Amino acid sequence: MWFDFRWIQNNEAAIADHGVSKAECEWVVSRNRPTRIGDRFIAVGQTGGGRKLKVIYEMDDALTIFVVIAYPVR
């Protein structure tokens, strides 16, 4: 499924603090089924380069994702 991602300075900085790129977040979210917890979703999966990430995000609308945080996991 295709999604639009809304990036602002704050969420870009938050993921960068964990060494994660926007492209990696978009890859993991677009290719993994999320778990829903309240108003947020959690996607866990491998990037195209094989790194495992956890991406926590909210849906702005049916097709727009706002990444809250993302970080590598073991």
PDB file of N, CA and C in Angstrom:
ATOM      1  N   MET A   1       0.843  -1.190   0.000  1.00  0.00           N
ATOM      2  CA  MET A   1       0.000   0.000   0.000  1.00  0.00           C
ATOM      3  C   MET A   1       0.883   1.245   0.000  1.00  0.00           C
ATOM      4  N   TRP A   2       0.443   2.269  -0.662  1.00  0.00           N
ATOM      5  CA  TRP A   2       1.176   3.522  -0.764  1.00  0.00           C
ATOM      6  C   TRP A   2       0.706   4.484   0.321  1.00  0.00           C
ATOM      7  N   PHE A   3       1.657   5.135   0.979  1.00  0.00           N
ATOM      8  CA  PHE A   3       1.356   6.136   1.995  1.00  0.00           C
ATOM      9  C   PHE A   3       2.140   7.399   1.719  1.00  0.00           C
ATOM     10  N   ASP A   4       1.602   8.513   2.190  1.00  0.00           N
ATOM     11  CA  ASP A   4       2.327   9.772   2.215  1.00  0.00           C
ATOM     12  C   ASP A   4       2.870   9.910   3.632  1.00  0.00           C
ATOM     13  N   PHE A   5       4.081  10.396   3.764  1.00  0.00           N
ATOM     14  CA  PHE A   5       4.685  10.602   5.075  1.00  0.00           C
ATOM     15  C   PHE A   5       4.843  12.098   5.312  1.00  0.00           C
ATOM     16  N   ARG A   6       4.416  12.539   6.483  1.00  0.00           N
ATOM     17  CA  ARG A   6       4.559  13.959   6.846  1.00  0.00           C
ATOM     18  C   ARG A   6       5.794  14.088   7.734  1.00  0.00           C
ATOM     19  N   TRP A   7       6.775  14.782   7.194  1.00  0.00           N
ATOM     20  CA  TRP A   7       8.022  15.008   7.927  1.00  0.00           C
ATOM     21  C   TRP A   7       8.145  16.475   8.300  1.00  0.00           C
ATOM     22  N   ILE A   8       8.481  16.708   9.546  1.00  0.00           N
ATOM     23  CA  ILE A   8       8.783  18.062  10.026  1.00  0.00           C
ATOM     24  C   ILE A   8      10.120  17.993  10.747  1.00  0.00           C
ATOM     25  N   GLN A   9      10.646  19.127  11.091  1.00  0.00           N
ATOM     26  CA  GLN A   9      11.974  19.178  11.710  1.00  0.00           C
ATOM     27  C   GLN A   9      12.039  18.322  12.979  1.00  0.00           C
ATOM     28  N   ASN A  10      10.997  18.345  13.787  1.00  0.00           N
ATOM     29  CA  ASN A  10      11.036  17.619  15.063  1.00  0.00           C
ATOM     30  C   ASN A  10      11.109  16.106  14.891  1.00  0.00           C
ATOM     31  N   ASN A  11      10.286  15.538  14.008  1.00  0.00           N
ATOM     32  CA  ASN A  11      10.348  14.079  13.881  1.00  0.00           C
ATOM     33  C   ASN A  11      11.581  13.642  13.085  1.00  0.00           C
ATOM     34  N   GLU A  12      12.055  14.465  12.173  1.00  0.00           N
ATOM     35  CA  GLU A  12      13.302  14.145  11.482  1.00  0.00           C
ATOM     36  C   GLU A  12      14.462  14.113  12.463  1.00  0.00           C
ATOM     37  N   ALA A  13      14.511  15.084  13.386  1.00  0.00           N
ATOM     38  CA  ALA A  13      15.575  15.134  14.392  1.00  0.00           C
ATOM     39  C   ALA A  13      15.474  13.959  15.358  1.00  0.00           C
ATOM     40  N   ALA A  14      14.254  13.587  15.720  1.00  0.00           N
ATOM     41  CA  ALA A  14      14.059  12.485  16.672  1.00  0.00           C
ATOM     42  C   ALA A  14      14.600  11.164  16.120  1.00  0.00           C
ATOM     43  N   ILE A  15      14.325  10.883  14.853  1.00  0.00           N
ATOM     44  CA  ILE A  15      14.829   9.624  14.294  1.00  0.00           C
ATOM     45  C   ILE A  15      16.328   9.711  14.024  1.00  0.00           C
ATOM     46  N   ALA A  16      16.805  10.884  13.632  1.00  0.00           N
ATOM     47  CA  ALA A  16      18.239  11.063  13.381  1.00  0.00           C
ATOM     48  C   ALA A  16      19.050  10.838  14.656  1.00  0.00           C
ATOM     49  N   ASP A  17      18.485  11.208  15.810  1.00  0.00           N
ATOM     50  CA  ASP A  17      19.162  10.970  17.090  1.00  0.00           C
ATOM     51  C   ASP A  17      19.424   9.495  17.326  1.00  0.00           C
ATOM     52  N   HIS A  18      18.643   8.631  16.678  1.00  0.00           N
ATOM     53  CA  HIS A  18      18.809   7.184  16.806  1.00  0.00           C
ATOM     54  C   HIS A  18      19.504   6.582  15.588  1.00  0.00           C
ATOM     55  N   GLY A  19      20.011   7.437  14.708  1.00  0.00           N
ATOM     56  CA  GLY A  19      20.728   6.962  13.528  1.00  0.00           C
ATOM     57  C   GLY A  19      19.848   6.338  12.475  1.00  0.00           C
ATOM     58  N   VAL A  20      18.577   6.769  12.424  1.00  0.00           N
ATOM     59  CA  VAL A  20      17.619   6.212  11.475  1.00  0.00           C
ATOM     60  C   VAL A  20      17.269   7.273  10.429  1.00  0.00           C
ATOM     61  N   SER A  21      17.155   6.856   9.192  1.00  0.00           N
ATOM     62  CA  SER A  21      16.816   7.785   8.113  1.00  0.00           C
ATOM     63  C   SER A  21      15.318   7.752   7.810  1.00  0.00           C
ATOM     64  N   LYS A  22      14.851   8.793   7.133  1.00  0.00           N
ATOM     65  CA  LYS A  22      13.454   8.824   6.692  1.00  0.00           C
ATOM     66  C   LYS A  22      13.169   7.654   5.760  1.00  0.00           C
ATOM     67  N   ALA A  23      14.073   7.380   4.854  1.00  0.00           N
ATOM     68  CA  ALA A  23      13.873   6.285   3.895  1.00  0.00           C
ATOM     69  C   ALA A  23      13.730   4.941   4.604  1.00  0.00           C
ATOM     70  N   GLU A  24      14.516   4.720   5.656  1.00  0.00           N
ATOM     71  CA  GLU A  24      14.403   3.471   6.408  1.00  0.00           C
ATOM     72  C   GLU A  24      13.037   3.357   7.086  1.00  0.00           C
ATOM     73  N   CYS A  25      12.566   4.448   7.674  1.00  0.00           N
ATOM     74  CA  CYS A  25      11.239   4.446   8.306  1.00  0.00           C
ATOM     75  C   CYS A  25      10.166   4.123   7.287  1.00  0.00           C
ATOM     76  N   GLU A  26      10.217   4.794   6.170  1.00  0.00           N
ATOM     77  CA  GLU A  26       9.201   4.593   5.142  1.00  0.00           C
ATOM     78  C   GLU A  26       9.211   3.158   4.631  1.00  0.00           C
ATOM     79  N   TRP A  27      10.385   2.576   4.481  1.00  0.00           N
ATOM     80  CA  TRP A  27      10.516   1.192   4.029  1.00  0.00           C
ATOM     81  C   TRP A  27       9.848   0.241   5.023  1.00  0.00           C
ATOM     82  N   VAL A  28      10.181   0.388   6.307  1.00  0.00           N
ATOM     83  CA  VAL A  28       9.653  -0.521   7.333  1.00  0.00           C
ATOM     84  C   VAL A  28       8.140  -0.376   7.464  1.00  0.00           C
ATOM     85  N   VAL A  29       7.640   0.850   7.498  1.00  0.00           N
ATOM     86  CA  VAL A  29       6.202   1.066   7.645  1.00  0.00           C
ATOM     87  C   VAL A  29       5.441   0.521   6.437  1.00  0.00           C
ATOM     88  N   SER A  30       5.974   0.715   5.254  1.00  0.00           N
ATOM     89  CA  SER A  30       5.286   0.309   4.030  1.00  0.00           C
ATOM     90  C   SER A  30       5.271  -1.197   3.806  1.00  0.00           C
ATOM     91  N   ARG A  31       6.145  -1.922   4.491  1.00  0.00           N
ATOM     92  CA  ARG A  31       6.281  -3.349   4.212  1.00  0.00           C
ATOM     93  C   ARG A  31       5.965  -4.269   5.390  1.00  0.00           C
ATOM     94  N   ASN A  32       5.467  -3.714   6.494  1.00  0.00           N
ATOM     95  CA  ASN A  32       5.192  -4.532   7.672  1.00  0.00           C
ATOM     96  C   ASN A  32       3.837  -4.194   8.264  1.00  0.00           C
ATOM     97  N   ARG A  33       3.147  -5.212   8.711  1.00  0.00           N
ATOM     98  CA  ARG A  33       1.841  -5.022   9.351  1.00  0.00           C
ATOM     99  C   ARG A  33       2.067  -4.467  10.758  1.00  0.00           C
ATOM    100  N   PRO A  34       1.410  -3.362  11.083  1.00  0.00           N
ATOM    101  CA  PRO A  34       1.619  -2.748  12.398  1.00  0.00           C
ATOM    102  C   PRO A  34       0.741  -3.347  13.494  1.00  0.00           C
ATOM    103  N   THR A  35       1.139  -3.076  14.710  1.00  0.00           N
ATOM    104  CA  THR A  35       0.324  -3.327  15.890  1.00  0.00           C
ATOM    105  C   THR A  35      -0.230  -1.980  16.322  1.00  0.00           C
ATOM    106  N   ARG A  36      -1.515  -1.961  16.670  1.00  0.00           N
ATOM    107  CA  ARG A  36      -2.130  -0.699  17.083  1.00  0.00           C
ATOM    108  C   ARG A  36      -2.204  -0.645  18.602  1.00  0.00           C
ATOM    109  N   ILE A  37      -1.764   0.487  19.158  1.00  0.00           N
ATOM    110  CA  ILE A  37      -1.862   0.734  20.596  1.00  0.00           C
ATOM    111  C   ILE A  37      -2.458   2.129  20.758  1.00  0.00           C
ATOM    112  N   GLY A  38      -3.728   2.188  21.072  1.00  0.00           N
ATOM    113  CA  GLY A  38      -4.424   3.467  21.182  1.00  0.00           C
ATOM    114  C   GLY A  38      -4.466   4.160  19.830  1.00  0.00           C
ATOM    115  N   ASP A  39      -3.985   5.401  19.789  1.00  0.00           N
ATOM    116  CA  ASP A  39      -3.961   6.179  18.555  1.00  0.00           C
ATOM    117  C   ASP A  39      -2.676   5.990  17.758  1.00  0.00           C
ATOM    118  N   ARG A  40      -1.782   5.165  18.258  1.00  0.00           N
ATOM    119  CA  ARG A  40      -0.489   4.976  17.598  1.00  0.00           C
ATOM    120  C   ARG A  40      -0.358   3.564  17.051  1.00  0.00           C
ATOM    121  N   PHE A  41       0.582   3.455  16.111  1.00  0.00           N
ATOM    122  CA  PHE A  41       0.878   2.179  15.476  1.00  0.00           C
ATOM    123  C   PHE A  41       2.362   1.897  15.639  1.00  0.00           C
ATOM    124  N   ILE A  42       2.707   0.615  15.726  1.00  0.00           N
ATOM    125  CA  ILE A  42       4.102   0.205  15.830  1.00  0.00           C
ATOM    126  C   ILE A  42       4.376  -0.800  14.721  1.00  0.00           C
ATOM    127  N   ALA A  43       5.344  -0.462  13.877  1.00  0.00           N
ATOM    128  CA  ALA A  43       5.789  -1.372  12.825  1.00  0.00           C
ATOM    129  C   ALA A  43       7.210  -1.810  13.161  1.00  0.00           C
ATOM    130  N   VAL A  44       7.445  -3.103  13.102  1.00  0.00           N
ATOM    131  CA  VAL A  44       8.777  -3.651  13.346  1.00  0.00           C
ATOM    132  C   VAL A  44       9.157  -4.469  12.125  1.00  0.00           C
ATOM    133  N   GLY A  45      10.349  -4.207  11.615  1.00  0.00           N
ATOM    134  CA  GLY A  45      10.793  -4.955  10.449  1.00  0.00           C
ATOM    135  C   GLY A  45      12.177  -4.548  10.016  1.00  0.00           C
ATOM    136  N   GLN A  46      12.654  -5.202   8.982  1.00  0.00           N
ATOM    137  CA  GLN A  46      13.990  -4.931   8.471  1.00  0.00           C
ATOM    138  C   GLN A  46      13.950  -3.913   7.350  1.00  0.00           C
ATOM    139  N   THR A  47      14.976  -3.092   7.330  1.00  0.00           N
ATOM    140  CA  THR A  47      15.146  -2.138   6.240  1.00  0.00           C
ATOM    141  C   THR A  47      15.645  -2.891   5.008  1.00  0.00           C
ATOM    142  N   GLY A  48      15.732  -2.202   3.898  1.00  0.00           N
ATOM    143  CA  GLY A  48      16.283  -2.809   2.697  1.00  0.00           C
ATOM    144  C   GLY A  48      17.709  -3.289   2.898  1.00  0.00           C
ATOM    145  N   GLY A  49      18.429  -2.639   3.826  1.00  0.00           N
ATOM    146  CA  GLY A  49      19.807  -3.013   4.132  1.00  0.00           C
ATOM    147  C   GLY A  49      19.922  -4.085   5.206  1.00  0.00           C
ATOM    148  N   GLY A  50      18.780  -4.547   5.731  1.00  0.00           N
ATOM    149  CA  GLY A  50      18.798  -5.632   6.693  1.00  0.00           C
ATOM    150  C   GLY A  50      18.818  -5.222   8.156  1.00  0.00           C
ATOM    151  N   ARG A  51      18.741  -3.936   8.430  1.00  0.00           N
ATOM    152  CA  ARG A  51      18.741  -3.472   9.812  1.00  0.00           C
ATOM    153  C   ARG A  51      17.322  -3.529  10.366  1.00  0.00           C
ATOM    154  N   LYS A  52      17.157  -4.051  11.585  1.00  0.00           N
ATOM    155  CA  LYS A  52      15.836  -4.178  12.177  1.00  0.00           C
ATOM    156  C   LYS A  52      15.489  -2.898  12.939  1.00  0.00           C
ATOM    157  N   LEU A  53      14.295  -2.345  12.625  1.00  0.00           N
ATOM    158  CA  LEU A  53      13.842  -1.098  13.245  1.00  0.00           C
ATOM    159  C   LEU A  53      12.464  -1.269  13.855  1.00  0.00           C
ATOM    160  N   LYS A  54      12.201  -0.438  14.853  1.00  0.00           N
ATOM    161  CA  LYS A  54      10.850  -0.262  15.387  1.00  0.00           C
ATOM    162  C   LYS A  54      10.456   1.172  15.063  1.00  0.00           C
ATOM    163  N   VAL A  55       9.313   1.347  14.414  1.00  0.00           N
ATOM    164  CA  VAL A  55       8.829   2.664  14.009  1.00  0.00           C
ATOM    165  C   VAL A  55       7.465   2.883  14.665  1.00  0.00           C
ATOM    166  N   ILE A  56       7.360   3.945  15.435  1.00  0.00           N
ATOM    167  CA  ILE A  56       6.100   4.301  16.087  1.00  0.00           C
ATOM    168  C   ILE A  56       5.545   5.517  15.357  1.00  0.00           C
ATOM    169  N   TYR A  57       4.272   5.415  14.964  1.00  0.00           N
ATOM    170  CA  TYR A  57       3.696   6.485  14.159  1.00  0.00           C
ATOM    171  C   TYR A  57       2.216   6.668  14.431  1.00  0.00           C
ATOM    172  N   GLU A  58       1.695   7.776  13.940  1.00  0.00           N
ATOM    173  CA  GLU A  58       0.273   8.098  14.005  1.00  0.00           C
ATOM    174  C   GLU A  58      -0.228   8.319  12.589  1.00  0.00           C
ATOM    175  N   MET A  59      -1.509   8.116  12.390  1.00  0.00           N
ATOM    176  CA  MET A  59      -2.120   8.378  11.092  1.00  0.00           C
ATOM    177  C   MET A  59      -2.766   9.758  11.129  1.00  0.00           C
ATOM    178  N   ASP A  60      -2.308  10.662  10.254  1.00  0.00           N
ATOM    179  CA  ASP A  60      -2.943  11.981  10.134  1.00  0.00           C
ATOM    180  C   ASP A  60      -4.317  11.832   9.484  1.00  0.00           C
ATOM    181  N   ASP A  61      -4.376  10.961   8.490  1.00  0.00           N
ATOM    182  CA  ASP A  61      -5.625  10.610   7.819  1.00  0.00           C
ATOM    183  C   ASP A  61      -5.410   9.208   7.245  1.00  0.00           C
ATOM    184  N   ALA A  62      -6.297   8.742   6.410  1.00  0.00           N
ATOM    185  CA  ALA A  62      -6.227   7.360   5.931  1.00  0.00           C
ATOM    186  C   ALA A  62      -4.943   7.010   5.180  1.00  0.00           C
ATOM    187  N   LEU A  63      -4.277   7.989   4.601  1.00  0.00           N
ATOM    188  CA  LEU A  63      -3.080   7.709   3.804  1.00  0.00           C
ATOM    189  C   LEU A  63      -1.846   8.507   4.209  1.00  0.00           C
ATOM    190  N   THR A  64      -1.923   9.259   5.304  1.00  0.00           N
ATOM    191  CA  THR A  64      -0.782  10.092   5.702  1.00  0.00           C
ATOM    192  C   THR A  64      -0.263   9.668   7.063  1.00  0.00           C
ATOM    193  N   ILE A  65       1.015   9.349   7.099  1.00  0.00           N
ATOM    194  CA  ILE A  65       1.669   8.852   8.309  1.00  0.00           C
ATOM    195  C   ILE A  65       2.593   9.922   8.872  1.00  0.00           C
ATOM    196  N   PHE A  66       2.519  10.073  10.194  1.00  0.00           N
ATOM    197  CA  PHE A  66       3.429  10.954  10.928  1.00  0.00           C
ATOM    198  C   PHE A  66       4.249  10.078  11.865  1.00  0.00           C
ATOM    199  N   VAL A  67       5.537   9.935  11.565  1.00  0.00           N
ATOM    200  CA  VAL A  67       6.419   9.113  12.391  1.00  0.00           C
ATOM    201  C   VAL A  67       6.737   9.887  13.667  1.00  0.00           C
ATOM    202  N   VAL A  68       6.507   9.248  14.815  1.00  0.00           N
ATOM    203  CA  VAL A  68       6.790   9.857  16.110  1.00  0.00           C
ATOM    204  C   VAL A  68       8.241   9.598  16.495  1.00  0.00           C
ATOM    205  N   ILE A  69       8.661   8.341  16.386  1.00  0.00           N
ATOM    206  CA  ILE A  69      10.041   7.951  16.722  1.00  0.00           C
ATOM    207  C   ILE A  69      10.356   6.635  16.020  1.00  0.00           C
ATOM    208  N   ALA A  70      11.611   6.395  15.802  1.00  0.00           N
ATOM    209  CA  ALA A  70      12.069   5.122  15.249  1.00  0.00           C
ATOM    210  C   ALA A  70      13.468   4.855  15.792  1.00  0.00           C
ATOM    211  N   TYR A  71      13.736   3.570  16.011  1.00  0.00           N
ATOM    212  CA  TYR A  71      15.053   3.215  16.538  1.00  0.00           C
ATOM    213  C   TYR A  71      15.365   1.764  16.196  1.00  0.00           C
ATOM    214  N   PRO A  72      16.671   1.439  16.162  1.00  0.00           N
ATOM    215  CA  PRO A  72      17.083   0.061  15.880  1.00  0.00           C
ATOM    216  C   PRO A  72      16.717  -0.846  17.063  1.00  0.00           C
ATOM    217  N   VAL A  73      16.408  -2.101  16.740  1.00  0.00           N
ATOM    218  CA  VAL A  73      16.145  -3.118  17.751  1.00  0.00           C
ATOM    219  C   VAL A  73      16.962  -4.356  17.422  1.00  0.00           C
ATOM    220  N   ARG A  74      17.134  -5.197  18.414  1.00  0.00           N
ATOM    221  CA  ARG A  74      17.877  -6.443  18.193  1.00  0.00           C
ATOM    222  C   ARG A  74      16.955  -7.569  17.886  1.00  0.00           C
TER     223      ARG A  74
END
